Protein backbone atom coordinates (compact mmCIF):
# COMPACT_ATOMS: atom_id res chain seq x y z
CA MET A 1 -21.06 52.56 40.15
CA SER A 2 -24.49 53.64 39.12
CA LEU A 3 -27.57 51.32 39.00
CA GLN A 4 -27.53 51.67 35.19
CA GLY A 5 -23.99 50.71 35.11
CA ALA A 6 -24.40 47.56 37.10
CA LEU A 7 -27.52 46.54 35.25
CA SER A 8 -25.62 46.86 32.00
CA ILE A 9 -22.77 44.67 33.40
CA ALA A 10 -25.28 41.95 34.71
CA THR A 11 -27.23 41.99 31.24
CA GLY A 12 -24.04 41.76 29.23
CA GLY A 13 -22.94 38.66 31.51
CA LEU A 14 -26.12 37.06 30.92
CA ASP A 15 -25.73 37.62 27.25
CA ASN A 16 -22.38 36.23 27.43
CA ILE A 17 -23.39 33.08 29.35
CA SER A 18 -25.95 32.23 26.83
CA TYR A 19 -23.35 32.52 24.17
CA GLY A 20 -21.26 30.20 26.31
CA MET A 21 -23.87 27.88 26.79
CA SER A 22 -24.90 27.38 23.19
CA VAL A 23 -21.51 26.85 22.14
CA LEU A 24 -21.18 24.35 24.97
CA SER A 25 -24.44 22.57 24.00
CA GLN A 26 -22.91 22.29 20.51
CA ASN A 27 -19.68 20.66 21.95
CA ILE A 28 -21.70 18.01 23.85
CA ALA A 29 -24.15 17.29 20.98
CA ASN A 30 -21.04 16.42 18.65
CA ALA A 31 -18.91 14.59 21.25
CA SER A 32 -19.03 11.46 19.39
CA THR A 33 -19.01 13.13 15.69
CA PRO A 34 -15.73 11.82 13.84
CA GLN A 35 -13.04 15.00 13.19
CA TYR A 36 -15.15 17.43 15.44
CA ALA A 37 -12.69 19.83 17.30
CA LEU A 38 -13.71 21.68 20.44
CA GLU A 39 -15.23 24.99 20.16
CA THR A 40 -14.60 27.51 22.82
CA ALA A 41 -16.36 30.60 23.40
CA THR A 42 -14.04 33.77 23.97
CA GLN A 43 -14.84 37.10 25.81
CA THR A 44 -13.01 40.60 26.15
CA SER A 45 -13.19 42.66 29.07
CA VAL A 46 -15.10 46.05 28.42
CA THR A 47 -13.91 49.38 29.95
CA ALA A 48 -15.61 52.70 29.83
CA GLY A 49 -13.64 55.86 31.19
CA GLY A 50 -11.22 53.55 32.74
CA GLN A 51 -13.46 51.34 34.72
CA GLY A 52 -14.65 48.16 33.99
CA ASP A 53 -17.90 47.78 32.29
CA GLY A 54 -18.43 43.87 32.16
CA VAL A 55 -17.68 41.57 29.44
CA ALA A 56 -18.54 41.42 25.61
CA SER A 57 -18.54 38.02 23.69
CA GLY A 58 -15.69 37.22 21.14
CA ILE A 59 -15.44 34.96 18.18
CA THR A 60 -15.91 31.19 18.81
CA ILE A 61 -12.39 29.49 18.29
CA ALA A 62 -12.17 25.89 16.90
CA ALA A 63 -9.17 23.65 18.66
CA SER A 64 -6.74 22.55 16.37
CA ASP A 65 -3.22 20.84 16.21
CA PRO A 66 -1.98 21.01 12.77
CA ALA A 67 0.97 18.53 13.03
CA LEU A 68 -0.98 16.00 14.35
CA GLN A 69 -3.89 16.73 12.11
CA ASN A 70 -1.73 16.25 9.17
CA GLN A 71 -0.24 12.98 10.69
CA VAL A 72 -4.04 11.77 11.02
CA ALA A 73 -4.55 12.86 7.14
CA ALA A 74 -1.54 11.04 6.07
CA GLN A 75 -2.15 7.99 8.09
CA THR A 76 -5.98 7.68 7.06
CA ALA A 77 -4.66 7.65 3.49
CA ASP A 78 -2.11 4.70 4.07
CA SER A 79 -5.14 2.94 5.97
CA SER A 80 -7.44 3.28 3.10
CA ALA A 81 -4.93 1.97 0.64
CA ALA A 82 -4.26 -0.99 2.56
CA SER A 83 -7.62 -1.68 3.39
CA THR A 84 -8.49 -1.45 -0.34
CA THR A 85 -5.72 -3.95 -1.59
CA SER A 86 -6.33 -6.31 1.10
CA ASN A 87 -10.13 -6.89 0.43
CA ALA A 88 -9.51 -7.10 -3.18
CA LEU A 89 -6.90 -9.81 -3.04
CA SER A 90 -8.65 -11.50 -0.14
CA THR A 91 -11.43 -12.11 -2.66
CA LEU A 92 -8.75 -13.87 -5.09
CA GLN A 93 -7.89 -16.36 -2.40
CA SER A 94 -10.68 -18.83 -2.54
CA VAL A 95 -10.12 -19.42 -6.14
CA LEU A 96 -6.41 -19.17 -6.04
CA GLY A 97 -5.91 -21.67 -3.03
CA THR A 98 -2.80 -22.44 -1.18
CA VAL A 99 0.08 -24.69 -2.54
CA GLY A 100 -1.20 -28.30 -1.73
CA SER A 101 -4.65 -27.36 -0.84
CA GLY A 102 -6.25 -29.29 -3.63
CA ASN A 103 -7.80 -26.70 -5.68
CA ASP A 104 -4.45 -24.97 -6.62
CA LEU A 105 -3.03 -24.92 -9.85
CA GLY A 106 -0.08 -27.05 -8.56
CA SER A 107 -2.32 -29.74 -6.95
CA GLN A 108 -4.55 -30.00 -10.33
CA LEU A 109 -1.49 -30.40 -12.31
CA THR A 110 -0.07 -33.12 -9.85
CA ASN A 111 -3.60 -34.82 -10.26
CA LEU A 112 -2.87 -34.86 -14.26
CA GLN A 113 0.70 -36.17 -13.49
CA SER A 114 -0.83 -38.95 -11.35
CA ALA A 115 -3.61 -39.97 -13.68
CA PHE A 116 -0.90 -40.30 -16.61
CA SER A 117 1.38 -42.52 -14.06
CA THR A 118 -1.51 -44.80 -13.83
CA LEU A 119 -2.41 -44.58 -17.17
CA LEU A 120 1.25 -46.13 -17.76
CA THR A 121 0.58 -49.22 -16.13
CA ASP A 122 -2.07 -49.91 -18.50
CA PRO A 123 -2.21 -47.64 -21.52
CA GLY A 124 -4.93 -49.68 -23.23
CA ASN A 125 -7.47 -49.09 -20.30
CA THR A 126 -10.15 -46.76 -21.93
CA THR A 127 -11.24 -45.68 -18.28
CA GLN A 128 -8.12 -44.45 -17.54
CA GLN A 129 -7.74 -42.77 -20.66
CA SER A 130 -10.98 -40.85 -19.82
CA ALA A 131 -9.50 -40.14 -16.53
CA VAL A 132 -6.60 -38.33 -17.94
CA VAL A 133 -8.87 -36.26 -20.21
CA THR A 134 -10.98 -35.40 -16.98
CA SER A 135 -8.02 -34.41 -15.19
CA ALA A 136 -6.84 -32.18 -17.93
CA SER A 137 -10.08 -30.56 -18.26
CA SER A 138 -10.15 -29.78 -14.39
CA LEU A 139 -6.83 -28.09 -14.76
CA ALA A 140 -7.95 -26.03 -17.80
CA THR A 141 -11.18 -25.13 -15.93
CA GLY A 142 -9.29 -24.11 -12.78
CA ILE A 143 -7.12 -21.91 -15.00
CA ASN A 144 -10.00 -20.39 -16.65
CA ALA A 145 -11.65 -19.86 -13.05
CA LEU A 146 -8.47 -17.97 -11.97
CA ALA A 147 -8.24 -15.95 -14.77
CA ALA A 148 -12.04 -15.03 -14.56
CA SER A 149 -11.55 -14.12 -10.82
CA TYR A 150 -8.48 -11.83 -11.96
CA GLY A 151 -10.42 -10.16 -14.85
CA GLN A 152 -13.39 -9.60 -12.40
CA ALA A 153 -10.93 -7.84 -9.68
CA ILE A 154 -9.26 -5.78 -12.52
CA GLN A 155 -13.04 -4.45 -13.71
CA SER A 156 -13.89 -3.88 -10.02
CA ALA A 157 -10.87 -1.63 -9.44
CA GLN A 158 -11.70 0.27 -12.71
CA ASN A 159 -15.23 0.82 -11.51
CA ASN A 160 -14.19 1.77 -8.21
CA LEU A 161 -11.79 4.57 -9.72
CA VAL A 162 -14.97 5.71 -11.34
CA SER A 163 -17.15 5.78 -8.37
CA GLY A 164 -14.22 7.23 -6.21
CA ILE A 165 -13.36 10.47 -8.50
CA THR A 166 -17.18 11.28 -8.22
CA GLN A 167 -16.67 11.05 -4.30
CA LEU A 168 -13.50 13.22 -4.55
CA ASN A 169 -15.18 15.83 -6.57
CA THR A 170 -17.96 16.07 -3.95
CA ALA A 171 -15.45 16.42 -1.36
CA LEU A 172 -13.39 19.01 -3.01
CA SER A 173 -16.66 21.10 -4.17
CA THR A 174 -17.45 21.18 -0.34
CA ILE A 175 -13.98 22.58 0.49
CA GLY A 176 -14.25 25.26 -2.49
CA THR A 177 -17.80 26.13 -0.82
CA LEU A 178 -16.41 26.30 2.58
CA ASN A 179 -13.50 28.28 1.36
CA THR A 180 -15.77 30.97 -0.07
CA GLN A 181 -17.72 31.21 3.23
CA MET A 182 -14.27 31.15 5.29
CA ILE A 183 -12.89 34.13 3.26
CA LEU A 184 -15.97 36.14 3.75
CA LEU A 185 -16.20 35.51 7.52
CA GLN A 186 -12.48 36.12 8.15
CA SER A 187 -12.55 39.17 6.16
CA GLU A 188 -15.17 40.55 8.47
CA GLY A 189 -13.59 39.34 11.58
CA LEU A 190 -16.24 36.56 12.38
CA SER A 191 -15.64 33.23 13.70
CA THR A 192 -14.88 30.24 11.27
CA ALA A 193 -15.14 27.65 13.88
CA ASP A 194 -18.24 25.90 12.49
CA LEU A 195 -17.03 25.83 8.95
CA GLN A 196 -13.52 24.51 10.33
CA ASN A 197 -15.20 21.71 11.71
CA GLN A 198 -17.16 20.94 8.40
CA MET A 199 -13.51 21.36 6.55
CA SER A 200 -12.19 18.64 8.61
CA ALA A 201 -14.88 16.29 7.67
CA ALA A 202 -14.40 16.98 4.07
CA GLU A 203 -10.74 16.85 4.39
CA ASN A 204 -11.05 13.40 6.16
CA THR A 205 -13.36 12.10 2.99
CA VAL A 206 -10.33 13.62 0.58
CA SER A 207 -7.96 11.56 2.90
CA GLN A 208 -9.61 8.18 2.58
CA LEU A 209 -9.43 8.71 -1.34
CA VAL A 210 -6.03 10.08 -1.90
CA SER A 211 -3.03 11.25 -0.13
CA ALA A 212 -2.87 14.69 0.01
CA SER A 213 -1.76 17.64 2.34
CA PHE A 214 -4.37 20.59 3.02
CA VAL A 215 -2.31 23.99 3.14
CA THR A 216 -4.10 26.89 4.43
CA GLN A 217 -3.61 29.97 2.33
CA SER A 218 -3.30 33.32 3.42
CA ASN A 219 -6.82 34.35 2.84
CA GLY A 220 -7.63 31.47 5.06
CA SER A 221 -8.74 29.11 2.29
CA ILE A 222 -7.60 25.19 1.99
CA ALA A 223 -5.51 24.14 -0.89
CA VAL A 224 -5.68 20.38 -1.49
CA ILE A 225 -2.24 18.97 -3.02
CA THR A 226 -1.67 15.49 -3.65
CA ALA A 227 1.41 13.79 -2.55
CA GLY A 228 2.40 13.62 -6.33
CA GLY A 229 2.11 17.31 -6.40
CA ALA A 230 -0.91 17.89 -8.39
CA GLN A 231 -3.14 20.63 -6.77
CA LEU A 232 -6.57 19.30 -6.85
CA PRO A 233 -9.65 21.59 -8.06
CA THR A 234 -11.97 22.92 -5.39
CA SER A 235 -13.91 25.04 -7.89
CA GLY A 236 -17.02 23.47 -8.90
CA SER A 237 -16.52 24.61 -12.41
CA SER A 238 -13.57 22.59 -12.35
CA THR A 239 -13.38 18.59 -11.59
CA LEU A 240 -11.40 15.43 -12.33
CA SER A 241 -12.82 13.02 -14.41
CA ILE A 242 -12.17 9.57 -15.60
CA ASP A 243 -14.17 7.54 -18.25
CA SER A 244 -16.02 4.43 -17.71
CA ALA A 245 -14.41 1.14 -19.41
CA THR A 246 -14.82 -2.43 -20.01
CA THR A 247 -11.56 -4.17 -18.97
CA ALA A 248 -9.91 -7.21 -20.55
CA PRO A 249 -6.44 -8.65 -20.48
CA SER A 250 -5.52 -6.97 -23.97
CA VAL A 251 -6.78 -3.41 -22.67
CA TYR A 252 -4.30 -1.64 -20.50
CA TYR A 253 -3.04 1.71 -19.29
CA PRO A 254 -1.46 3.77 -20.63
CA ASP A 255 -2.10 3.75 -24.47
CA GLY A 256 -4.02 0.54 -24.30
CA GLY A 257 -7.53 1.44 -23.99
CA LEU A 258 -7.88 2.05 -20.21
CA PRO A 259 -8.59 5.70 -19.07
CA GLY A 260 -6.49 7.80 -16.90
CA ILE A 261 -7.62 10.19 -14.27
CA MET A 262 -7.85 13.54 -16.23
CA PHE A 263 -7.88 17.28 -14.99
CA GLY A 264 -9.28 18.90 -17.99
CA SER A 265 -6.81 17.63 -20.83
CA THR A 266 -4.29 16.65 -18.63
CA ASP A 267 -3.79 12.94 -17.33
CA ILE A 268 -2.65 13.33 -13.44
CA THR A 269 -2.97 9.51 -12.81
CA GLY A 270 0.53 9.37 -12.15
CA GLN A 271 0.09 11.89 -9.41
CA ILE A 272 -2.56 10.20 -7.62
CA THR A 273 -1.16 8.08 -4.75
CA GLY A 274 -2.44 6.52 -1.46
CA GLY A 275 -5.93 6.22 -0.54
CA ALA A 276 -8.66 3.90 -2.28
CA LEU A 277 -7.75 5.91 -5.44
CA GLY A 278 -3.88 5.13 -5.32
CA ALA A 279 -4.69 1.44 -4.30
CA ASN A 280 -7.00 0.95 -7.05
CA ILE A 281 -4.60 2.41 -9.39
CA THR A 282 -2.18 0.13 -8.53
CA LEU A 283 -4.25 -2.78 -8.28
CA ARG A 284 -5.89 -2.30 -12.09
CA ASP A 285 -2.51 -1.08 -13.65
CA THR A 286 -0.03 -3.63 -12.07
CA THR A 287 -0.67 -5.97 -9.25
CA LEU A 288 -3.78 -7.53 -11.15
CA PRO A 289 -2.53 -7.53 -14.63
CA THR A 290 0.75 -9.25 -13.57
CA TYR A 291 -1.08 -11.85 -12.04
CA GLN A 292 -2.95 -12.35 -15.00
CA ALA A 293 0.31 -12.49 -17.10
CA SER A 294 1.94 -14.97 -14.92
CA LEU A 295 -1.10 -17.45 -15.36
CA ASP A 296 -0.90 -16.58 -19.21
CA GLU A 297 2.37 -17.57 -19.05
CA PHE A 298 2.12 -20.67 -17.19
CA SER A 299 -1.03 -21.82 -19.87
CA GLU A 300 1.16 -20.93 -22.56
CA ASP A 301 4.11 -22.95 -21.38
CA LEU A 302 1.90 -25.91 -20.28
CA SER A 303 0.24 -26.11 -23.74
CA ASN A 304 3.54 -25.83 -25.76
CA ARG A 305 5.41 -28.48 -23.48
CA PHE A 306 2.80 -30.94 -24.04
CA ALA A 307 2.77 -30.23 -27.42
CA ALA A 308 6.48 -30.66 -27.90
CA GLN A 309 6.18 -33.94 -27.09
CA GLY A 310 3.75 -35.07 -29.54
CA LEU A 311 0.26 -34.40 -27.48
CA THR A 312 -1.73 -31.44 -28.08
CA LEU A 313 -3.67 -31.75 -25.08
CA PHE A 314 -4.42 -27.97 -24.48
CA THR A 315 -5.34 -25.48 -26.90
CA GLY A 316 -7.13 -21.90 -27.07
CA SER A 317 -10.83 -21.71 -28.13
CA GLY A 318 -9.94 -21.72 -31.70
CA GLY A 319 -8.41 -25.32 -31.37
CA THR A 320 -4.67 -23.77 -31.60
CA ILE A 321 -1.87 -23.11 -29.35
CA PRO A 322 -1.30 -19.26 -29.45
CA GLN A 323 2.40 -18.21 -29.88
CA SER A 324 4.32 -15.09 -29.23
CA ASN A 325 4.12 -12.94 -32.40
CA GLY A 326 7.51 -11.36 -32.02
CA GLY A 327 5.91 -8.31 -30.32
CA ALA A 328 6.44 -6.64 -26.87
CA GLY A 329 5.96 -8.59 -23.85
CA GLN A 330 3.52 -11.73 -24.33
CA SER A 331 2.02 -10.23 -27.70
CA GLY A 332 0.08 -13.24 -29.09
CA TYR A 333 -1.13 -14.99 -25.88
CA VAL A 334 -2.03 -12.19 -23.55
CA GLY A 335 -5.25 -13.47 -21.98
CA TYR A 336 -4.94 -17.02 -23.04
CA ALA A 337 -5.48 -18.38 -19.56
CA GLU A 338 -9.24 -17.08 -20.11
CA THR A 339 -9.69 -19.40 -23.23
CA ILE A 340 -7.18 -22.54 -22.80
CA GLN A 341 -9.17 -25.65 -22.83
CA VAL A 342 -8.78 -29.52 -23.66
CA ASN A 343 -7.98 -29.81 -27.39
CA PRO A 344 -11.87 -30.75 -28.70
CA THR A 345 -9.81 -33.34 -30.71
CA VAL A 346 -8.53 -35.25 -27.70
CA LEU A 347 -12.16 -34.69 -26.17
CA ALA A 348 -13.44 -36.76 -28.99
CA THR A 349 -10.99 -39.58 -28.83
CA PRO A 350 -9.47 -39.75 -25.31
CA SER A 351 -7.05 -42.82 -26.92
CA LEU A 352 -4.78 -39.90 -28.08
CA VAL A 353 -3.59 -39.44 -24.77
CA ARG A 354 -1.70 -42.62 -25.01
CA ASP A 355 -1.07 -42.48 -29.18
CA GLY A 356 -0.15 -38.86 -29.38
CA THR A 357 -1.50 -36.16 -31.88
CA THR A 358 1.38 -34.86 -33.75
CA ALA A 359 4.73 -36.31 -35.32
CA ILE A 360 7.81 -34.61 -33.94
CA ALA A 361 10.81 -34.29 -36.26
CA GLY A 362 13.15 -33.82 -33.31
CA SER A 363 16.10 -31.28 -32.86
CA ALA A 364 19.44 -30.57 -30.90
CA THR A 365 17.69 -28.29 -29.07
CA GLY A 366 14.28 -28.96 -28.39
CA ALA A 367 12.05 -32.42 -28.04
CA SER A 368 13.48 -35.65 -29.65
CA ALA A 369 11.69 -37.25 -32.65
CA PHE A 370 8.17 -38.76 -31.95
CA THR A 371 5.95 -40.87 -34.38
CA PRO A 372 2.45 -41.39 -32.81
CA ASN A 373 0.78 -44.70 -32.35
CA PRO A 374 -1.32 -45.32 -35.52
CA THR A 375 -4.83 -46.01 -35.38
CA GLY A 376 -5.19 -49.75 -34.34
CA GLY A 377 -1.69 -49.83 -33.07
CA ASP A 378 -0.09 -51.23 -30.23
CA ALA A 379 -2.60 -51.00 -27.01
CA GLY A 380 0.16 -50.94 -24.87
CA PHE A 381 1.93 -48.12 -26.40
CA THR A 382 3.83 -46.20 -23.82
CA THR A 383 6.24 -43.78 -25.57
CA LEU A 384 4.19 -40.94 -25.53
CA ILE A 385 3.08 -41.09 -21.99
CA ASN A 386 7.01 -41.50 -20.77
CA ARG A 387 7.65 -38.53 -22.83
CA ILE A 388 5.00 -36.32 -21.08
CA LEU A 389 6.09 -37.95 -17.56
CA THR A 390 9.72 -37.35 -17.81
CA TYR A 391 10.08 -34.35 -20.22
CA GLY A 392 6.54 -32.51 -20.68
CA LEU A 393 6.28 -32.20 -16.77
CA GLY A 394 10.44 -32.25 -16.43
CA ASP A 395 12.91 -30.04 -16.21
CA GLU A 396 14.55 -31.53 -19.50
CA VAL A 397 13.26 -31.40 -22.98
CA GLN A 398 15.08 -34.24 -23.97
CA ALA A 399 17.73 -36.26 -22.24
CA GLY A 400 20.58 -33.72 -21.47
CA VAL A 401 18.83 -30.76 -22.77
CA ALA A 402 17.24 -28.44 -20.23
CA GLN A 403 14.02 -26.84 -20.61
CA THR A 404 13.72 -23.00 -21.35
CA PRO A 405 12.96 -21.64 -18.03
CA MET A 406 9.72 -20.07 -17.97
CA ALA A 407 9.59 -16.04 -17.94
CA THR A 408 8.95 -14.35 -14.93
CA THR A 409 9.97 -10.50 -16.10
CA GLY A 410 9.07 -9.05 -19.48
CA LEU A 411 5.22 -9.92 -19.05
CA GLY A 412 2.14 -8.14 -20.13
CA ASN A 413 1.15 -6.24 -23.31
CA THR A 414 4.12 -4.12 -23.07
CA GLY A 415 6.76 -6.44 -21.24
CA THR A 416 6.89 -4.06 -18.24
CA LEU A 417 5.58 -6.58 -15.70
CA SER A 418 7.62 -8.88 -13.47
CA ALA A 419 6.17 -11.79 -11.41
CA GLY A 420 6.97 -11.91 -7.61
CA PHE A 421 9.03 -14.90 -7.83
CA GLY A 422 12.06 -16.17 -9.24
CA THR A 423 12.75 -18.11 -12.47
CA GLN A 424 11.18 -21.66 -12.47
CA THR A 425 12.00 -24.34 -14.98
CA THR A 426 9.24 -27.18 -14.42
CA LEU A 427 5.58 -26.50 -14.63
CA ALA A 428 5.02 -27.72 -11.11
CA ASP A 429 7.57 -25.15 -9.75
CA TYR A 430 6.09 -22.33 -11.85
CA ALA A 431 2.51 -23.51 -10.83
CA ASN A 432 3.46 -23.36 -7.25
CA ALA A 433 5.60 -20.18 -7.07
CA LEU A 434 2.82 -18.49 -8.70
CA THR A 435 0.54 -19.79 -6.00
CA ALA A 436 2.60 -19.05 -3.12
CA SER A 437 3.73 -15.60 -4.30
CA GLN A 438 0.07 -14.58 -4.72
CA SER A 439 -0.91 -15.96 -1.34
CA ALA A 440 1.94 -14.31 0.04
CA ASP A 441 0.83 -10.93 -1.49
CA SER A 442 -2.68 -11.34 0.25
CA ALA A 443 -1.43 -12.41 3.66
CA SER A 444 1.02 -9.34 3.78
CA ALA A 445 -1.53 -6.89 2.60
CA THR A 446 -4.03 -8.32 5.36
CA SER A 447 -1.24 -7.70 8.06
CA GLN A 448 -0.44 -4.28 6.45
CA ALA A 449 -4.12 -3.22 6.69
CA SER A 450 -4.38 -4.21 10.46
CA ASP A 451 -1.19 -2.32 11.06
CA ALA A 452 -2.25 0.56 9.51
CA ALA A 453 -5.74 0.78 10.72
CA ALA A 454 -4.19 0.30 14.37
CA LEU A 455 -2.04 2.95 13.91
CA GLN A 456 -4.78 5.38 12.36
CA THR A 457 -6.79 4.66 15.12
CA SER A 458 -3.83 5.35 17.74
CA LEU A 459 -3.38 8.82 16.03
CA GLN A 460 -6.84 9.58 15.64
CA THR A 461 -7.40 9.20 19.50
CA LYS A 462 -4.63 11.02 20.21
CA LEU A 463 -6.06 13.89 18.21
CA THR A 464 -9.26 13.63 19.90
CA SER A 465 -7.60 13.84 23.10
CA ALA A 466 -5.79 16.88 22.05
CA THR A 467 -8.71 18.80 20.18
CA GLY A 468 -11.86 16.90 20.86
CA VAL A 469 -14.77 17.18 23.05
CA ASP A 470 -14.13 15.90 26.95
CA LEU A 471 -17.57 15.68 28.26
CA ASP A 472 -16.59 15.88 31.97
CA THR A 473 -14.64 19.05 31.46
CA GLU A 474 -17.78 20.36 29.37
CA LEU A 475 -20.40 19.13 32.10
CA GLY A 476 -18.09 20.72 34.77
CA GLN A 477 -18.06 24.09 32.70
CA MET A 478 -21.74 23.71 32.44
CA VAL A 479 -22.28 23.95 36.04
CA THR A 480 -19.79 27.19 36.31
CA LEU A 481 -21.87 28.85 33.60
CA GLN A 482 -25.20 27.94 35.42
CA ASN A 483 -23.80 29.21 38.63
CA ALA A 484 -22.82 32.24 36.99
CA TYR A 485 -25.85 32.84 35.13
CA GLY A 486 -27.77 32.62 38.59
CA ALA A 487 -25.41 35.19 40.12
CA ASN A 488 -26.03 37.59 37.28
CA ALA A 489 -29.81 37.24 37.18
CA HIS A 490 -29.54 37.88 41.10
CA VAL A 491 -27.81 40.88 40.49
CA VAL A 492 -30.74 42.06 37.62
CA SER A 493 -33.08 40.88 40.06
CA ALA A 494 -32.16 43.05 43.06
CA ILE A 495 -31.52 45.97 40.72
CA GLU A 496 -34.88 45.62 39.47
CA THR A 497 -36.12 45.60 43.23
CA VAL A 498 -34.36 48.89 43.90
CA PHE A 499 -35.55 50.38 41.03
CA THR A 500 -39.06 49.71 41.73
CA TYR A 501 -38.57 50.79 45.54
CA LEU A 502 -37.12 54.08 43.94
CA MET A 503 -40.30 54.39 41.84
CA ASN A 504 -42.61 53.84 44.66
CA ILE A 505 -41.01 56.45 46.96
CA ALA A 506 -40.54 59.06 44.33
CA PRO A 507 -42.71 62.51 45.39
CA ALA A 508 -46.01 62.75 42.94
CA THR A 509 -45.74 65.02 40.37
């Protein structure tokens, strides 16, 4: 081999080692970067005239495990959805309380029942009459507070959908830009490793927002397809959208004023599942409206059961009790829990909790007849109090006639919602079932979020082990490259010495 050939091999080796060192340095610098996959420098042997002529640097390759990467993406979406649901329901728990905690609906109703029981022992006691009104006011205020918390949670879910779509569009646009660059580099036979790592980060953002698969096309680009079958746009000229909106019990999706997620003129809300977006859709359109509808049902029955016995203790803001207007679901009293209050007339005249507000004609299927105690009448009048304690709060509307069970299905604006508990007859049973069911939902969501996060961490750790950077291996490779660099540099130095010697002994011309 000629000196020139040896020098070519040595300098080629130095170039290849420098290339390998740059890739290795990048790996070490990104060892803790989430979703970063190990990049490997490649080289090929060079021959000339059938003889070895050193090595040439190839393209950089990013490590991959498609099957495991798909599992991580799916679990990321599941974990994000579970976390979103858990956080939303946890914020309600302090207002909802737990059965028997003192601030829950059942406990507040028990306090009202106890106040009536105390009044029964001394009906003319004005202090005890006021105590009944105070307990009723506390119950109404508690209902209002819980309804308000549902409303705030629904508004939060709507706002999160708007911000989430903005984040999703940004991530999809990034994928689109990377697609363009990857197609170009691939067509030129150049490395796409760095772009693949950037793509992984963008895909992770998408997975946190929605359950989707990432399909590699023949030209090297990535298509994003939701679990519901919609192909999401990665072109900057085509994006998803959702309008901002102010939520209210009477506003709902679809066709009730709340917006859907649009792709152009097409509503793809039903094709968005999993991730934070999927969880917020469920919270906004199903879970939280069901909670609100259950509370509306309790409030409406509470008001009407007292009124049926002759005491209009609870009314809406207009001083009347809303009634179903015969439409779908709870038409006529959707959102009643937000406005329920103690009847202003009773607030002004607390003795009405002893005397009654309304004469009842009586019927065979409803409450029995009742005549209020007249002004200045019997101070020891107990008829109304007994009716409230025995029938208003009981499972019969009058002796031998069962109360109509309170609705747990056919709820909401459209009658399509169902509470997560069975049929209940008494107010106390309904209140306790409502609280227990929603508390169980929150506890279950917390448990699911914890389990999902643990599995996501386990899969991510497995993926990192398969495709990530091992610092010990990289540092060992660095020593190898440094030794190789020294050897090649020594060859270059030796050849330089030989060339210098030959130049010095060359005959003068």
